Full PDB file with SEQRES, HELIX, SHEET, SSBOND, CRYST1, ORIGX, SCALE, CONECT and MASTER records, all heavy atoms in Angstrom:
SEQRES   1 A   37  GLY LEU THR VAL HIS THR GLY ARG MET GLU ALA GLU GLU          
SEQRES   2 A   37  MET ALA ALA LEU LEU ALA GLY ALA ALA LEU CYS VAL ASP          
SEQRES   3 A   37  ALA THR HIS PRO TYR ALA ARG GLN ALA SER GLU                  
HELIX    1 AA1 ALA A   11  LEU A   18  1                                   8    
HELIX    2 AA2 ARG A   33  SER A   36  1                                   4    
CRYST1    1.000    1.000    1.000  90.00  90.00  90.00 P 1           1          
ORIGX1      1.000000  0.000000  0.000000        0.00000                         
ORIGX2      0.000000  1.000000  0.000000        0.00000                         
ORIGX3      0.000000  0.000000  1.000000        0.00000                         
SCALE1      1.000000  0.000000  0.000000        0.00000                         
SCALE2      0.000000  1.000000  0.000000        0.00000                         
SCALE3      0.000000  0.000000  1.000000        0.00000                         
ATOM      1  N   GLY A   1     239.482 102.940 139.575  1.00  0.00           N  
ATOM      2  CA  GLY A   1     239.513 102.041 138.431  1.00  0.00           C  
ATOM      3  C   GLY A   1     239.395 100.580 138.785  1.00  0.00           C  
ATOM      4  O   GLY A   1     239.352  99.714 137.912  1.00  0.00           O  
ATOM      5  N   LEU A   2     239.328 100.285 140.090  1.00  0.00           N  
ATOM      6  CA  LEU A   2     239.296  98.905 140.558  1.00  0.00           C  
ATOM      7  C   LEU A   2     237.926  98.572 141.131  1.00  0.00           C  
ATOM      8  O   LEU A   2     237.451  99.241 142.050  1.00  0.00           O  
ATOM      9  CB  LEU A   2     240.367  98.710 141.625  1.00  0.00           C  
ATOM     10  CG  LEU A   2     240.842  97.289 141.942  1.00  0.00           C  
ATOM     11  CD1 LEU A   2     241.509  96.664 140.733  1.00  0.00           C  
ATOM     12  CD2 LEU A   2     241.823  97.332 143.102  1.00  0.00           C  
ATOM     13  N   THR A   3     237.297  97.549 140.573  1.00  0.00           N  
ATOM     14  CA  THR A   3     236.022  97.054 141.095  1.00  0.00           C  
ATOM     15  C   THR A   3     236.253  95.678 141.690  1.00  0.00           C  
ATOM     16  O   THR A   3     236.813  94.798 141.029  1.00  0.00           O  
ATOM     17  CB  THR A   3     234.966  96.956 139.975  1.00  0.00           C  
ATOM     18  OG1 THR A   3     234.771  98.249 139.406  1.00  0.00           O  
ATOM     19  CG2 THR A   3     233.650  96.433 140.524  1.00  0.00           C  
ATOM     20  N   VAL A   4     235.843  95.487 142.940  1.00  0.00           N  
ATOM     21  CA  VAL A   4     236.065  94.203 143.616  1.00  0.00           C  
ATOM     22  C   VAL A   4     234.736  93.471 143.763  1.00  0.00           C  
ATOM     23  O   VAL A   4     233.778  93.998 144.333  1.00  0.00           O  
ATOM     24  CB  VAL A   4     236.706  94.416 145.004  1.00  0.00           C  
ATOM     25  CG1 VAL A   4     236.925  93.064 145.689  1.00  0.00           C  
ATOM     26  CG2 VAL A   4     238.024  95.166 144.866  1.00  0.00           C  
ATOM     27  N   HIS A   5     234.694  92.249 143.220  1.00  0.00           N  
ATOM     28  CA  HIS A   5     233.515  91.386 143.354  1.00  0.00           C  
ATOM     29  C   HIS A   5     233.845  90.325 144.400  1.00  0.00           C  
ATOM     30  O   HIS A   5     234.816  89.578 144.258  1.00  0.00           O  
ATOM     31  CB  HIS A   5     233.173  90.726 142.022  1.00  0.00           C  
ATOM     32  CG  HIS A   5     231.974  89.825 142.090  1.00  0.00           C  
ATOM     33  ND1 HIS A   5     232.031  88.554 142.616  1.00  0.00           N  
ATOM     34  CD2 HIS A   5     230.682  90.027 141.716  1.00  0.00           C  
ATOM     35  CE1 HIS A   5     230.833  88.004 142.550  1.00  0.00           C  
ATOM     36  NE2 HIS A   5     229.998  88.874 142.011  1.00  0.00           N  
ATOM     37  N   THR A   6     233.029  90.269 145.438  1.00  0.00           N  
ATOM     38  CA  THR A   6     233.278  89.330 146.535  1.00  0.00           C  
ATOM     39  C   THR A   6     232.244  88.209 146.534  1.00  0.00           C  
ATOM     40  O   THR A   6     231.044  88.478 146.427  1.00  0.00           O  
ATOM     41  CB  THR A   6     233.228  90.059 147.888  1.00  0.00           C  
ATOM     42  OG1 THR A   6     234.134  91.160 147.862  1.00  0.00           O  
ATOM     43  CG2 THR A   6     233.615  89.126 149.014  1.00  0.00           C  
ATOM     44  N   GLY A   7     232.712  86.967 146.666  1.00  0.00           N  
ATOM     45  CA  GLY A   7     231.805  85.824 146.741  1.00  0.00           C  
ATOM     46  C   GLY A   7     232.170  84.753 145.739  1.00  0.00           C  
ATOM     47  O   GLY A   7     232.636  85.046 144.638  1.00  0.00           O  
ATOM     48  N   ARG A   8     231.963  83.516 146.135  1.00  0.00           N  
ATOM     49  CA  ARG A   8     232.239  82.396 145.242  1.00  0.00           C  
ATOM     50  C   ARG A   8     231.187  82.343 144.141  1.00  0.00           C  
ATOM     51  O   ARG A   8     230.009  82.605 144.387  1.00  0.00           O  
ATOM     52  CB  ARG A   8     232.271  81.078 146.023  1.00  0.00           C  
ATOM     53  CG  ARG A   8     233.288  81.101 147.159  1.00  0.00           C  
ATOM     54  CD  ARG A   8     233.374  79.769 147.881  1.00  0.00           C  
ATOM     55  NE  ARG A   8     234.169  79.890 149.083  1.00  0.00           N  
ATOM     56  CZ  ARG A   8     235.505  79.866 149.124  1.00  0.00           C  
ATOM     57  NH1 ARG A   8     236.180  79.731 147.994  1.00  0.00           N  
ATOM     58  NH2 ARG A   8     236.152  79.978 150.271  1.00  0.00           N  
ATOM     59  N   MET A   9     231.618  81.969 142.939  1.00  0.00           N  
ATOM     60  CA  MET A   9     230.720  81.918 141.792  1.00  0.00           C  
ATOM     61  C   MET A   9     230.857  80.598 141.055  1.00  0.00           C  
ATOM     62  O   MET A   9     231.943  80.007 141.015  1.00  0.00           O  
ATOM     63  CB  MET A   9     231.032  83.057 140.813  1.00  0.00           C  
ATOM     64  CG  MET A   9     230.738  84.445 141.325  1.00  0.00           C  
ATOM     65  SD  MET A   9     231.101  85.713 140.053  1.00  0.00           S  
ATOM     66  CE  MET A   9     232.900  85.736 140.140  1.00  0.00           C  
ATOM     67  N   GLU A  10     229.752  80.151 140.481  1.00  0.00           N  
ATOM     68  CA  GLU A  10     229.788  79.015 139.570  1.00  0.00           C  
ATOM     69  C   GLU A  10     230.146  79.531 138.177  1.00  0.00           C  
ATOM     70  O   GLU A  10     230.168  80.745 137.921  1.00  0.00           O  
ATOM     71  CB  GLU A  10     228.437  78.305 139.555  1.00  0.00           C  
ATOM     72  CG  GLU A  10     228.030  77.719 140.899  1.00  0.00           C  
ATOM     73  CD  GLU A  10     229.001  76.671 141.403  1.00  0.00           C  
ATOM     74  OE1 GLU A  10     229.600  75.957 140.566  1.00  0.00           O  
ATOM     75  OE2 GLU A  10     229.166  76.568 142.632  1.00  0.00           O  
ATOM     76  N   ALA A  11     230.416  78.592 137.264  1.00  0.00           N  
ATOM     77  CA  ALA A  11     230.868  78.970 135.931  1.00  0.00           C  
ATOM     78  C   ALA A  11     229.875  79.890 135.227  1.00  0.00           C  
ATOM     79  O   ALA A  11     230.270  80.841 134.540  1.00  0.00           O  
ATOM     80  CB  ALA A  11     231.142  77.724 135.092  1.00  0.00           C  
ATOM     81  N   GLU A  12     228.581  79.642 135.393  1.00  0.00           N  
ATOM     82  CA  GLU A  12     227.564  80.458 134.725  1.00  0.00           C  
ATOM     83  C   GLU A  12     227.626  81.903 135.229  1.00  0.00           C  
ATOM     84  O   GLU A  12     227.514  82.857 134.437  1.00  0.00           O  
ATOM     85  CB  GLU A  12     226.168  79.878 134.975  1.00  0.00           C  
ATOM     86  CG  GLU A  12     225.901  78.548 134.276  1.00  0.00           C  
ATOM     87  CD  GLU A  12     225.743  78.727 132.772  1.00  0.00           C  
ATOM     88  OE1 GLU A  12     225.402  79.842 132.342  1.00  0.00           O  
ATOM     89  OE2 GLU A  12     225.969  77.755 132.034  1.00  0.00           O  
ATOM     90  N   GLU A  13     227.791  82.080 136.520  1.00  0.00           N  
ATOM     91  CA  GLU A  13     227.877  83.421 137.084  1.00  0.00           C  
ATOM     92  C   GLU A  13     229.153  84.125 136.618  1.00  0.00           C  
ATOM     93  O   GLU A  13     229.152  85.331 136.337  1.00  0.00           O  
ATOM     94  CB  GLU A  13     227.851  83.343 138.602  1.00  0.00           C  
ATOM     95  CG  GLU A  13     226.570  82.769 139.193  1.00  0.00           C  
ATOM     96  CD  GLU A  13     226.691  82.521 140.666  1.00  0.00           C  
ATOM     97  OE1 GLU A  13     227.425  81.590 141.066  1.00  0.00           O  
ATOM     98  OE2 GLU A  13     226.041  83.253 141.442  1.00  0.00           O  
ATOM     99  N   MET A  14     230.232  83.358 136.531  1.00  0.00           N  
ATOM    100  CA  MET A  14     231.483  83.926 136.038  1.00  0.00           C  
ATOM    101  C   MET A  14     231.328  84.398 134.600  1.00  0.00           C  
ATOM    102  O   MET A  14     231.801  85.484 134.226  1.00  0.00           O  
ATOM    103  CB  MET A  14     232.604  82.884 136.117  1.00  0.00           C  
ATOM    104  CG  MET A  14     233.035  82.498 137.512  1.00  0.00           C  
ATOM    105  SD  MET A  14     234.313  81.205 137.443  1.00  0.00           S  
ATOM    106  CE  MET A  14     234.657  80.958 139.173  1.00  0.00           C  
ATOM    107  N   ALA A  15     230.680  83.577 133.779  1.00  0.00           N  
ATOM    108  CA  ALA A  15     230.499  83.923 132.359  1.00  0.00           C  
ATOM    109  C   ALA A  15     229.720  85.219 132.221  1.00  0.00           C  
ATOM    110  O   ALA A  15     230.037  86.064 131.374  1.00  0.00           O  
ATOM    111  CB  ALA A  15     229.795  82.789 131.624  1.00  0.00           C  
ATOM    112  N   ALA A  16     228.702  85.400 133.047  1.00  0.00           N  
ATOM    113  CA  ALA A  16     227.913  86.635 132.997  1.00  0.00           C  
ATOM    114  C   ALA A  16     228.762  87.840 133.372  1.00  0.00           C  
ATOM    115  O   ALA A  16     228.672  88.904 132.760  1.00  0.00           O  
ATOM    116  CB  ALA A  16     226.708  86.515 133.924  1.00  0.00           C  
ATOM    117  N   LEU A  17     229.607  87.694 134.366  1.00  0.00           N  
ATOM    118  CA  LEU A  17     230.467  88.789 134.786  1.00  0.00           C  
ATOM    119  C   LEU A  17     231.517  89.113 133.722  1.00  0.00           C  
ATOM    120  O   LEU A  17     231.929  90.264 133.558  1.00  0.00           O  
ATOM    121  CB  LEU A  17     231.142  88.431 136.109  1.00  0.00           C  
ATOM    122  CG  LEU A  17     232.030  89.499 136.749  1.00  0.00           C  
ATOM    123  CD1 LEU A  17     231.889  89.472 138.263  1.00  0.00           C  
ATOM    124  CD2 LEU A  17     233.503  89.292 136.380  1.00  0.00           C  
ATOM    125  N   LEU A  18     231.953  88.080 132.983  1.00  0.00           N  
ATOM    126  CA  LEU A  18     233.003  88.253 131.980  1.00  0.00           C  
ATOM    127  C   LEU A  18     232.510  88.891 130.687  1.00  0.00           C  
ATOM    128  O   LEU A  18     233.327  89.301 129.854  1.00  0.00           O  
ATOM    129  CB  LEU A  18     233.618  86.887 131.643  1.00  0.00           C  
ATOM    130  CG  LEU A  18     234.582  86.310 132.679  1.00  0.00           C  
ATOM    131  CD1 LEU A  18     234.777  84.820 132.452  1.00  0.00           C  
ATOM    132  CD2 LEU A  18     235.921  87.039 132.618  1.00  0.00           C  
ATOM    133  N   ALA A  19     231.211  88.993 130.494  1.00  0.00           N  
ATOM    134  CA  ALA A  19     230.664  89.507 129.236  1.00  0.00           C  
ATOM    135  C   ALA A  19     231.269  90.870 128.894  1.00  0.00           C  
ATOM    136  O   ALA A  19     231.230  91.794 129.697  1.00  0.00           O  
ATOM    137  CB  ALA A  19     229.141  89.622 129.338  1.00  0.00           C  
ATOM    138  N   GLY A  20     231.869  90.954 127.711  1.00  0.00           N  
ATOM    139  CA  GLY A  20     232.445  92.204 127.247  1.00  0.00           C  
ATOM    140  C   GLY A  20     233.865  92.460 127.698  1.00  0.00           C  
ATOM    141  O   GLY A  20     234.453  93.493 127.336  1.00  0.00           O  
ATOM    142  N   ALA A  21     234.458  91.558 128.488  1.00  0.00           N  
ATOM    143  CA  ALA A  21     235.829  91.756 128.960  1.00  0.00           C  
ATOM    144  C   ALA A  21     236.829  91.553 127.830  1.00  0.00           C  
ATOM    145  O   ALA A  21     236.601  90.768 126.905  1.00  0.00           O  
ATOM    146  CB  ALA A  21     236.140  90.800 130.112  1.00  0.00           C  
ATOM    147  N   ALA A  22     237.943  92.266 127.887  1.00  0.00           N  
ATOM    148  CA  ALA A  22     238.999  92.117 126.886  1.00  0.00           C  
ATOM    149  C   ALA A  22     239.883  90.915 127.180  1.00  0.00           C  
ATOM    150  O   ALA A  22     240.412  90.273 126.270  1.00  0.00           O  
ATOM    151  CB  ALA A  22     239.842  93.382 126.830  1.00  0.00           C  
ATOM    152  N   LEU A  23     240.040  90.594 128.453  1.00  0.00           N  
ATOM    153  CA  LEU A  23     240.942  89.512 128.853  1.00  0.00           C  
ATOM    154  C   LEU A  23     240.624  89.105 130.283  1.00  0.00           C  
ATOM    155  O   LEU A  23     240.250  89.943 131.108  1.00  0.00           O  
ATOM    156  CB  LEU A  23     242.400  89.974 128.762  1.00  0.00           C  
ATOM    157  CG  LEU A  23     243.503  88.974 129.121  1.00  0.00           C  
ATOM    158  CD1 LEU A  23     243.519  87.810 128.125  1.00  0.00           C  
ATOM    159  CD2 LEU A  23     244.862  89.657 129.140  1.00  0.00           C  
ATOM    160  N   CYS A  24     240.783  87.828 130.566  1.00  0.00           N  
ATOM    161  CA  CYS A  24     240.634  87.307 131.926  1.00  0.00           C  
ATOM    162  C   CYS A  24     241.959  86.714 132.378  1.00  0.00           C  
ATOM    163  O   CYS A  24     242.624  85.991 131.609  1.00  0.00           O  
ATOM    164  CB  CYS A  24     239.544  86.240 131.964  1.00  0.00           C  
ATOM    165  SG  CYS A  24     239.408  85.371 133.559  1.00  0.00           S  
ATOM    166  N   VAL A  25     242.348  87.019 133.587  1.00  0.00           N  
ATOM    167  CA  VAL A  25     243.557  86.437 134.172  1.00  0.00           C  
ATOM    168  C   VAL A  25     243.157  85.609 135.386  1.00  0.00           C  
ATOM    169  O   VAL A  25     242.567  86.131 136.341  1.00  0.00           O  
ATOM    170  CB  VAL A  25     244.575  87.521 134.592  1.00  0.00           C  
ATOM    171  CG1 VAL A  25     245.810  86.863 135.215  1.00  0.00           C  
ATOM    172  CG2 VAL A  25     244.977  88.375 133.399  1.00  0.00           C  
ATOM    173  N   ASP A  26     243.464  84.328 135.333  1.00  0.00           N  
ATOM    174  CA  ASP A  26     243.231  83.439 136.465  1.00  0.00           C  
ATOM    175  C   ASP A  26     244.474  83.479 137.342  1.00  0.00           C  
ATOM    176  O   ASP A  26     245.475  82.841 137.046  1.00  0.00           O  
ATOM    177  CB  ASP A  26     242.961  82.014 135.953  1.00  0.00           C  
ATOM    178  CG  ASP A  26     242.865  80.994 137.086  1.00  0.00           C  
ATOM    179  OD1 ASP A  26     242.844  81.403 138.266  1.00  0.00           O  
ATOM    180  OD2 ASP A  26     242.816  79.780 136.775  1.00  0.00           O  
ATOM    181  N   ALA A  27     244.400  84.258 138.407  1.00  0.00           N  
ATOM    182  CA  ALA A  27     245.517  84.384 139.343  1.00  0.00           C  
ATOM    183  C   ALA A  27     245.161  83.749 140.683  1.00  0.00           C  
ATOM    184  O   ALA A  27     245.627  84.189 141.736  1.00  0.00           O  
ATOM    185  CB  ALA A  27     245.892  85.848 139.534  1.00  0.00           C  
ATOM    186  N   THR A  28     244.329  82.705 140.651  1.00  0.00           N  
ATOM    187  CA  THR A  28     243.974  82.004 141.876  1.00  0.00           C  
ATOM    188  C   THR A  28     245.153  81.156 142.351  1.00  0.00           C  
ATOM    189  O   THR A  28     246.156  80.998 141.652  1.00  0.00           O  
ATOM    190  CB  THR A  28     242.741  81.113 141.657  1.00  0.00           C  
ATOM    191  OG1 THR A  28     243.000  80.195 140.579  1.00  0.00           O  
ATOM    192  CG2 THR A  28     241.521  81.956 141.312  1.00  0.00           C  
ATOM    193  N   HIS A  29     245.021  80.594 143.532  1.00  0.00           N  
ATOM    194  CA  HIS A  29     246.094  79.816 144.148  1.00  0.00           C  
ATOM    195  C   HIS A  29     246.426  78.593 143.293  1.00  0.00           C  
ATOM    196  O   HIS A  29     245.547  78.022 142.633  1.00  0.00           O  
ATOM    197  CB  HIS A  29     245.662  79.375 145.550  1.00  0.00           C  
ATOM    198  CG  HIS A  29     246.781  78.899 146.401  1.00  0.00           C  
ATOM    199  ND1 HIS A  29     247.221  77.589 146.388  1.00  0.00           N  
ATOM    200  CD2 HIS A  29     247.565  79.556 147.289  1.00  0.00           C  
ATOM    201  CE1 HIS A  29     248.221  77.463 147.240  1.00  0.00           C  
ATOM    202  NE2 HIS A  29     248.454  78.629 147.803  1.00  0.00           N  
ATOM    203  N   PRO A  30     247.698  78.168 143.275  1.00  0.00           N  
ATOM    204  CA  PRO A  30     248.076  76.992 142.477  1.00  0.00           C  
ATOM    205  C   PRO A  30     247.278  75.727 142.801  1.00  0.00           C  
ATOM    206  O   PRO A  30     247.197  74.823 141.965  1.00  0.00           O  
ATOM    207  CB  PRO A  30     249.563  76.801 142.819  1.00  0.00           C  
ATOM    208  CG  PRO A  30     250.034  78.148 143.223  1.00  0.00           C  
ATOM    209  CD  PRO A  30     248.869  78.800 143.910  1.00  0.00           C  
ATOM    210  N   TYR A  31     246.693  75.653 144.006  1.00  0.00           N  
ATOM    211  CA  TYR A  31     245.936  74.470 144.392  1.00  0.00           C  
ATOM    212  C   TYR A  31     244.431  74.616 144.164  1.00  0.00           C  
ATOM    213  O   TYR A  31     243.678  73.693 144.471  1.00  0.00           O  
ATOM    214  CB  TYR A  31     246.195  74.139 145.864  1.00  0.00           C  
ATOM    215  CG  TYR A  31     247.577  73.573 146.109  1.00  0.00           C  
ATOM    216  CD1 TYR A  31     248.684  74.402 146.153  1.00  0.00           C  
ATOM    217  CD2 TYR A  31     247.786  72.205 146.269  1.00  0.00           C  
ATOM    218  CE1 TYR A  31     249.967  73.907 146.364  1.00  0.00           C  
ATOM    219  CE2 TYR A  31     249.051  71.688 146.477  1.00  0.00           C  
ATOM    220  CZ  TYR A  31     250.142  72.542 146.525  1.00  0.00           C  
ATOM    221  OH  TYR A  31     251.404  72.036 146.718  1.00  0.00           O  
ATOM    222  N   ALA A  32     244.017  75.749 143.614  1.00  0.00           N  
ATOM    223  CA  ALA A  32     242.583  75.992 143.401  1.00  0.00           C  
ATOM    224  C   ALA A  32     242.154  75.384 142.064  1.00  0.00           C  
ATOM    225  O   ALA A  32     241.741  76.086 141.140  1.00  0.00           O  
ATOM    226  CB  ALA A  32     242.293  77.480 143.438  1.00  0.00           C  
ATOM    227  N   ARG A  33     242.244  74.070 141.970  1.00  0.00           N  
ATOM    228  CA  ARG A  33     241.990  73.390 140.693  1.00  0.00           C  
ATOM    229  C   ARG A  33     240.561  73.572 140.208  1.00  0.00           C  
ATOM    230  O   ARG A  33     240.336  73.895 139.035  1.00  0.00           O  
ATOM    231  CB  ARG A  33     242.293  71.891 140.834  1.00  0.00           C  
ATOM    232  CG  ARG A  33     242.030  71.103 139.558  1.00  0.00           C  
ATOM    233  CD  ARG A  33     242.566  69.696 139.662  1.00  0.00           C  
ATOM    234  NE  ARG A  33     242.087  69.003 140.855  1.00  0.00           N  
ATOM    235  CZ  ARG A  33     242.539  67.819 141.250  1.00  0.00           C  
ATOM    236  NH1 ARG A  33     243.478  67.204 140.560  1.00  0.00           N  
ATOM    237  NH2 ARG A  33     242.053  67.247 142.345  1.00  0.00           N  
ATOM    238  N   GLN A  34     239.582  73.390 141.093  1.00  0.00           N  
ATOM    239  CA  GLN A  34     238.192  73.502 140.665  1.00  0.00           C  
ATOM    240  C   GLN A  34     237.863  74.914 140.229  1.00  0.00           C  
ATOM    241  O   GLN A  34     237.158  75.122 139.239  1.00  0.00           O  
ATOM    242  CB  GLN A  34     237.253  73.072 141.791  1.00  0.00           C  
ATOM    243  CG  GLN A  34     235.783  72.981 141.375  1.00  0.00           C  
ATOM    244  CD  GLN A  34     235.571  72.003 140.230  1.00  0.00           C  
ATOM    245  OE1 GLN A  34     235.906  70.829 140.335  1.00  0.00           O  
ATOM    246  NE2 GLN A  34     235.018  72.477 139.116  1.00  0.00           N  
ATOM    247  N   ALA A  35     238.377  75.894 140.950  1.00  0.00           N  
ATOM    248  CA  ALA A  35     238.128  77.285 140.579  1.00  0.00           C  
ATOM    249  C   ALA A  35     238.701  77.581 139.201  1.00  0.00           C  
ATOM    250  O   ALA A  35     238.058  78.236 138.371  1.00  0.00           O  
ATOM    251  CB  ALA A  35     238.725  78.227 141.613  1.00  0.00           C  
ATOM    252  N   SER A  36     239.904  77.081 138.938  1.00  0.00           N  
ATOM    253  CA  SER A  36     240.523  77.311 137.631  1.00  0.00           C  
ATOM    254  C   SER A  36     239.729  76.659 136.509  1.00  0.00           C  
ATOM    255  O   SER A  36     239.571  77.233 135.426  1.00  0.00           O  
ATOM    256  CB  SER A  36     241.965  76.786 137.625  1.00  0.00           C  
ATOM    257  OG  SER A  36     242.814  77.640 138.358  1.00  0.00           O  
ATOM    258  N   GLU A  37     239.226  75.464 136.759  1.00  0.00           N  
ATOM    259  CA  GLU A  37     238.429  74.793 135.741  1.00  0.00           C  
ATOM    260  C   GLU A  37     237.146  75.578 135.463  1.00  0.00           C  
ATOM    261  O   GLU A  37     236.735  75.719 134.303  1.00  0.00           O  
ATOM    262  CB  GLU A  37     238.108  73.365 136.184  1.00  0.00           C  
ATOM    263  CG  GLU A  37     239.320  72.452 136.198  1.00  0.00           C  
ATOM    264  CD  GLU A  37     238.998  71.056 136.708  1.00  0.00           C  
ATOM    265  OE1 GLU A  37     237.834  70.835 137.129  1.00  0.00           O  
ATOM    266  OE2 GLU A  37     239.901  70.204 136.702  1.00  0.00           O  
TER     267      GLU A  37                                                      
MASTER        0    0    0    2    0    0    0    6  266    1    0    3          
END                                                                             
């Protein structure tokens, strides 16, 4: 049930991956400001 996507992504790539998702959880490191944005 677990799919792992490896690699850094820009916002556009993230949006494509998120299509159809019920919910997104940003569990990145507290200092990962750019990634969270």
